[in-house]
Amino acid sequence: MRSKIVRWSRELVIFLLLAGAVSLAVDYARRPALPQGFSSEPLETIDGQPVDLAAMSQDRPLLVYVWATWCSVCRFTTPSVASLAASGANVVTVALRSGDDAALAQGLRRRHLAAPTVNDARGQLAARWGVQATPTILIVYRGKVTAITTGWTSSWGMRLRLWMA
């Protein structure tokens, strides 16, 4: 019986290592090719407030969440981002091709996402940033990207990335 537990434990560790390696490889392949100085690009939220990523990330790490209302994976990630924002984390979101400002504001209320949100209605910002997948999460600290991940990410995974920045 003990040998079975040891064998299963070893197989579980190997599986977790392989899954981690595949996840890192996929993240590397899908990571955006951000232009030089992307954090100084002038942005504006749907309620007309200016967004300065470099300034927002000076004192503490900033989580930039690129998502879409039509994205099925975002349905699982958005509640974690909303929870982070509600708990006081430094969060800004970019909604990709998710309709006009009024429709997006309604979608934000429905998702209980109360973070500054930039509407990338035509996908031009995502194209300039090289975003290929939604959701994409960028961690920016002092104007520099410290981590990028794509696809579903857990709340603790986001918190860990913010902490490591």
C-alpha atoms as a PDB file:
ATOM      1  CA  MET A   1       0.000   0.000   0.000  1.00  0.00           C
ATOM      2  CA  ARG A   2       2.815   2.420   0.894  1.00  0.00           C
ATOM      3  CA  SER A   3       4.526   1.775  -2.456  1.00  0.00           C
ATOM      4  CA  LYS A   4       1.312   2.707  -4.301  1.00  0.00           C
ATOM      5  CA  ILE A   5       1.098   6.003  -2.420  1.00  0.00           C
ATOM      6  CA  VAL A   6       4.735   6.781  -3.220  1.00  0.00           C
ATOM      7  CA  ARG A   7       4.239   5.887  -6.887  1.00  0.00           C
ATOM      8  CA  TRP A   8       1.045   7.978  -7.196  1.00  0.00           C
ATOM      9  CA  SER A   9       2.701  10.894  -5.415  1.00  0.00           C
ATOM     10  CA  ARG A  10       5.647  10.749  -7.799  1.00  0.00           C
ATOM     11  CA  GLU A  11       3.309  10.607 -10.806  1.00  0.00           C
ATOM     12  CA  LEU A  12       1.340  13.568  -9.477  1.00  0.00           C
ATOM     13  CA  VAL A  13       4.526  15.620  -9.074  1.00  0.00           C
ATOM     14  CA  ILE A  14       5.608  14.732 -12.622  1.00  0.00           C
ATOM     15  CA  PHE A  15       2.165  15.652 -13.975  1.00  0.00           C
ATOM     16  CA  LEU A  16       2.198  19.003 -12.153  1.00  0.00           C
ATOM     17  CA  LEU A  17       5.691  19.800 -13.453  1.00  0.00           C
ATOM     18  CA  LEU A  18       4.669  18.946 -17.024  1.00  0.00           C
ATOM     19  CA  ALA A  19       1.453  20.976 -16.734  1.00  0.00           C
ATOM     20  CA  GLY A  20       3.456  23.926 -15.405  1.00  0.00           C
ATOM     21  CA  ALA A  21       5.969  23.667 -18.242  1.00  0.00           C
ATOM     22  CA  VAL A  22       3.205  23.530 -20.869  1.00  0.00           C
ATOM     23  CA  SER A  23       1.461  26.513 -19.244  1.00  0.00           C
ATOM     24  CA  LEU A  24       4.663  28.558 -19.286  1.00  0.00           C
ATOM     25  CA  ALA A  25       5.320  27.627 -22.926  1.00  0.00           C
ATOM     26  CA  VAL A  26       1.802  28.651 -23.973  1.00  0.00           C
ATOM     27  CA  ASP A  27       2.120  31.942 -22.061  1.00  0.00           C
ATOM     28  CA  TYR A  28       5.444  32.619 -23.755  1.00  0.00           C
ATOM     29  CA  ALA A  29       4.044  31.866 -27.222  1.00  0.00           C
ATOM     30  CA  ARG A  30       0.924  34.037 -26.754  1.00  0.00           C
ATOM     31  CA  ARG A  31       2.469  36.940 -24.868  1.00  0.00           C
ATOM     32  CA  PRO A  32       1.923  40.333 -26.447  1.00  0.00           C
ATOM     33  CA  ALA A  33       4.743  42.189 -28.177  1.00  0.00           C
ATOM     34  CA  LEU A  34       4.333  45.424 -26.251  1.00  0.00           C
ATOM     35  CA  PRO A  35       5.772  48.516 -27.934  1.00  0.00           C
ATOM     36  CA  GLN A  36       8.503  50.551 -26.289  1.00  0.00           C
ATOM     37  CA  GLY A  37       6.950  53.009 -23.836  1.00  0.00           C
ATOM     38  CA  PHE A  38       3.502  51.403 -23.931  1.00  0.00           C
ATOM     39  CA  SER A  39       2.889  52.408 -20.304  1.00  0.00           C
ATOM     40  CA  SER A  40       3.105  56.104 -21.186  1.00  0.00           C
ATOM     41  CA  GLU A  41       0.420  55.865 -23.883  1.00  0.00           C
ATOM     42  CA  PRO A  42      -2.491  58.191 -23.040  1.00  0.00           C
ATOM     43  CA  LEU A  43      -5.663  56.256 -22.265  1.00  0.00           C
ATOM     44  CA  GLU A  44      -9.133  57.240 -21.081  1.00  0.00           C
ATOM     45  CA  THR A  45     -11.736  55.308 -19.085  1.00  0.00           C
ATOM     46  CA  ILE A  46     -15.349  54.984 -20.202  1.00  0.00           C
ATOM     47  CA  ASP A  47     -16.288  57.761 -17.764  1.00  0.00           C
ATOM     48  CA  GLY A  48     -13.721  60.161 -19.265  1.00  0.00           C
ATOM     49  CA  GLN A  49     -10.948  59.861 -16.674  1.00  0.00           C
ATOM     50  CA  PRO A  50      -7.348  59.843 -17.950  1.00  0.00           C
ATOM     51  CA  VAL A  51      -5.316  56.689 -17.301  1.00  0.00           C
ATOM     52  CA  ASP A  52      -1.542  56.837 -16.965  1.00  0.00           C
ATOM     53  CA  LEU A  53      -0.208  53.289 -16.507  1.00  0.00           C
ATOM     54  CA  ALA A  54       3.300  54.499 -15.657  1.00  0.00           C
ATOM     55  CA  ALA A  55       2.017  56.827 -12.921  1.00  0.00           C
ATOM     56  CA  MET A  56      -0.448  54.257 -11.567  1.00  0.00           C
ATOM     57  CA  SER A  57       2.349  51.702 -11.222  1.00  0.00           C
ATOM     58  CA  GLN A  58       4.943  53.913  -9.495  1.00  0.00           C
ATOM     59  CA  ASP A  59       4.091  53.139  -5.854  1.00  0.00           C
ATOM     60  CA  ARG A  60       2.664  49.652  -6.184  1.00  0.00           C
ATOM     61  CA  PRO A  61       2.244  47.038  -8.924  1.00  0.00           C
ATOM     62  CA  LEU A  62      -0.642  47.499 -11.344  1.00  0.00           C
ATOM     63  CA  LEU A  63      -2.692  44.647 -12.793  1.00  0.00           C
ATOM     64  CA  VAL A  64      -3.840  45.432 -16.356  1.00  0.00           C
ATOM     65  CA  TYR A  65      -6.635  43.052 -17.329  1.00  0.00           C
ATOM     66  CA  VAL A  66      -7.397  42.825 -21.073  1.00  0.00           C
ATOM     67  CA  TRP A  67     -10.720  41.054 -21.498  1.00  0.00           C
ATOM     68  CA  ALA A  68     -13.939  41.045 -23.532  1.00  0.00           C
ATOM     69  CA  THR A  69     -17.631  40.718 -22.745  1.00  0.00           C
ATOM     70  CA  TRP A  70     -17.909  37.972 -25.383  1.00  0.00           C
ATOM     71  CA  CYS A  71     -14.920  35.969 -24.041  1.00  0.00           C
ATOM     72  CA  SER A  72     -15.996  32.679 -22.458  1.00  0.00           C
ATOM     73  CA  VAL A  73     -12.806  32.242 -20.411  1.00  0.00           C
ATOM     74  CA  CYS A  74     -13.148  35.819 -19.111  1.00  0.00           C
ATOM     75  CA  ARG A  75     -16.366  34.756 -17.351  1.00  0.00           C
ATOM     76  CA  PHE A  76     -14.204  32.711 -14.994  1.00  0.00           C
ATOM     77  CA  THR A  77     -11.368  35.231 -14.590  1.00  0.00           C
ATOM     78  CA  THR A  78     -13.380  38.455 -14.221  1.00  0.00           C
ATOM     79  CA  PRO A  79     -14.807  37.596 -10.759  1.00  0.00           C
ATOM     80  CA  SER A  80     -11.252  37.199  -9.436  1.00  0.00           C
ATOM     81  CA  VAL A  81     -10.229  40.537 -10.933  1.00  0.00           C
ATOM     82  CA  ALA A  82     -13.373  42.160  -9.490  1.00  0.00           C
ATOM     83  CA  SER A  83     -12.513  40.718  -6.081  1.00  0.00           C
ATOM     84  CA  LEU A  84      -8.964  42.076  -6.311  1.00  0.00           C
ATOM     85  CA  ALA A  85     -10.241  45.526  -7.284  1.00  0.00           C
ATOM     86  CA  ALA A  86     -12.829  45.487  -4.479  1.00  0.00           C
ATOM     87  CA  SER A  87     -10.134  44.590  -1.945  1.00  0.00           C
ATOM     88  CA  GLY A  88      -8.093  47.650  -2.920  1.00  0.00           C
ATOM     89  CA  ALA A  89      -5.614  46.158  -5.385  1.00  0.00           C
ATOM     90  CA  ASN A  90      -4.277  48.445  -8.102  1.00  0.00           C
ATOM     91  CA  VAL A  91      -6.314  47.315 -11.151  1.00  0.00           C
ATOM     92  CA  VAL A  92      -7.237  48.788 -14.530  1.00  0.00           C
ATOM     93  CA  THR A  93      -9.117  46.866 -17.212  1.00  0.00           C
ATOM     94  CA  VAL A  94      -9.191  47.130 -20.988  1.00  0.00           C
ATOM     95  CA  ALA A  95     -12.369  45.834 -22.611  1.00  0.00           C
ATOM     96  CA  LEU A  96     -11.609  44.566 -26.116  1.00  0.00           C
ATOM     97  CA  ARG A  97     -14.298  44.905 -28.826  1.00  0.00           C
ATOM     98  CA  SER A  98     -17.103  44.911 -26.246  1.00  0.00           C
ATOM     99  CA  GLY A  99     -19.458  47.516 -27.710  1.00  0.00           C
ATOM    100  CA  ASP A 100     -19.932  51.202 -27.001  1.00  0.00           C
ATOM    101  CA  ASP A 101     -19.349  52.832 -23.612  1.00  0.00           C
ATOM    102  CA  ALA A 102     -22.996  52.509 -22.505  1.00  0.00           C
ATOM    103  CA  ALA A 103     -23.172  48.784 -23.299  1.00  0.00           C
ATOM    104  CA  LEU A 104     -19.813  48.222 -21.636  1.00  0.00           C
ATOM    105  CA  ALA A 105     -20.874  50.123 -18.499  1.00  0.00           C
ATOM    106  CA  GLN A 106     -23.934  47.883 -18.261  1.00  0.00           C
ATOM    107  CA  GLY A 107     -21.737  44.788 -18.663  1.00  0.00           C
ATOM    108  CA  LEU A 108     -19.392  46.036 -15.926  1.00  0.00           C
ATOM    109  CA  ARG A 109     -22.317  46.487 -13.520  1.00  0.00           C
ATOM    110  CA  ARG A 110     -23.603  43.009 -14.355  1.00  0.00           C
ATOM    111  CA  ARG A 111     -20.152  41.554 -13.616  1.00  0.00           C
ATOM    112  CA  HIS A 112     -19.706  43.670 -10.446  1.00  0.00           C
ATOM    113  CA  LEU A 113     -16.412  44.937 -11.862  1.00  0.00           C
ATOM    114  CA  ALA A 114     -15.710  48.357 -10.336  1.00  0.00           C
ATOM    115  CA  ALA A 115     -12.256  49.133 -11.703  1.00  0.00           C
ATOM    116  CA  PRO A 116     -11.189  51.887 -14.096  1.00  0.00           C
ATOM    117  CA  THR A 117     -12.010  50.516 -17.545  1.00  0.00           C
ATOM    118  CA  VAL A 118     -10.711  51.574 -20.948  1.00  0.00           C
ATOM    119  CA  ASN A 119     -12.963  50.694 -23.878  1.00  0.00           C
ATOM    120  CA  ASP A 120     -10.981  49.357 -26.841  1.00  0.00           C
ATOM    121  CA  ALA A 121     -14.114  49.231 -28.981  1.00  0.00           C
ATOM    122  CA  ARG A 122     -12.347  48.531 -32.295  1.00  0.00           C
ATOM    123  CA  GLY A 123      -9.394  46.558 -30.941  1.00  0.00           C
ATOM    124  CA  GLN A 124      -6.856  49.187 -32.004  1.00  0.00           C
ATOM    125  CA  LEU A 125      -5.150  49.327 -28.602  1.00  0.00           C
ATOM    126  CA  ALA A 126      -4.919  45.532 -28.412  1.00  0.00           C
ATOM    127  CA  ALA A 127      -3.443  45.499 -31.937  1.00  0.00           C
ATOM    128  CA  ARG A 128      -0.797  48.092 -30.970  1.00  0.00           C
ATOM    129  CA  TRP A 129       0.030  46.114 -27.838  1.00  0.00           C
ATOM    130  CA  GLY A 130       0.121  42.801 -29.722  1.00  0.00           C
ATOM    131  CA  VAL A 131      -2.571  41.159 -27.576  1.00  0.00           C
ATOM    132  CA  GLN A 132      -3.539  37.893 -29.261  1.00  0.00           C
ATOM    133  CA  ALA A 133      -5.664  36.220 -26.585  1.00  0.00           C
ATOM    134  CA  THR A 134      -8.276  37.153 -24.027  1.00  0.00           C
ATOM    135  CA  PRO A 135      -7.956  37.329 -21.189  1.00  0.00           C
ATOM    136  CA  THR A 136      -4.443  38.733 -20.989  1.00  0.00           C
ATOM    137  CA  ILE A 137      -3.049  39.946 -17.692  1.00  0.00           C
ATOM    138  CA  LEU A 138      -0.092  42.307 -17.474  1.00  0.00           C
ATOM    139  CA  ILE A 139       1.623  43.228 -14.229  1.00  0.00           C
ATOM    140  CA  VAL A 140       3.241  46.657 -14.494  1.00  0.00           C
ATOM    141  CA  TYR A 141       5.539  48.070 -11.832  1.00  0.00           C
ATOM    142  CA  ARG A 142       7.208  51.464 -12.189  1.00  0.00           C
ATOM    143  CA  GLY A 143       6.180  51.580 -15.844  1.00  0.00           C
ATOM    144  CA  LYS A 144       7.795  48.229 -16.732  1.00  0.00           C
ATOM    145  CA  VAL A 145       6.036  44.922 -17.360  1.00  0.00           C
ATOM    146  CA  THR A 146       7.113  42.342 -14.780  1.00  0.00           C
ATOM    147  CA  ALA A 147       4.723  39.506 -15.713  1.00  0.00           C
ATOM    148  CA  ILE A 148       2.376  38.519 -18.515  1.00  0.00           C
ATOM    149  CA  THR A 149      -0.086  35.662 -18.579  1.00  0.00           C
ATOM    150  CA  THR A 150      -2.912  34.695 -20.890  1.00  0.00           C
ATOM    151  CA  GLY A 151      -5.984  32.571 -20.410  1.00  0.00           C
ATOM    152  CA  TRP A 152      -7.586  31.655 -17.115  1.00  0.00           C
ATOM    153  CA  THR A 153      -5.696  32.723 -14.030  1.00  0.00           C
ATOM    154  CA  SER A 154      -6.749  32.128 -10.445  1.00  0.00           C
ATOM    155  CA  SER A 155      -7.112  34.855  -7.855  1.00  0.00           C
ATOM    156  CA  TRP A 156      -4.110  33.556  -5.919  1.00  0.00           C
ATOM    157  CA  GLY A 157      -2.099  33.448  -9.160  1.00  0.00           C
ATOM    158  CA  MET A 158      -2.839  37.138  -9.763  1.00  0.00           C
ATOM    159  CA  ARG A 159      -2.073  38.029  -6.148  1.00  0.00           C
ATOM    160  CA  LEU A 160       1.213  36.103  -6.340  1.00  0.00           C
ATOM    161  CA  ARG A 161       2.237  37.925  -9.522  1.00  0.00           C
ATOM    162  CA  LEU A 162       1.415  41.287  -7.918  1.00  0.00           C
ATOM    163  CA  TRP A 163       3.387  40.340  -4.812  1.00  0.00           C
ATOM    164  CA  MET A 164       6.395  39.127  -6.835  1.00  0.00           C
ATOM    165  CA  ALA A 165       6.522  42.396  -8.795  1.00  0.00           C
END
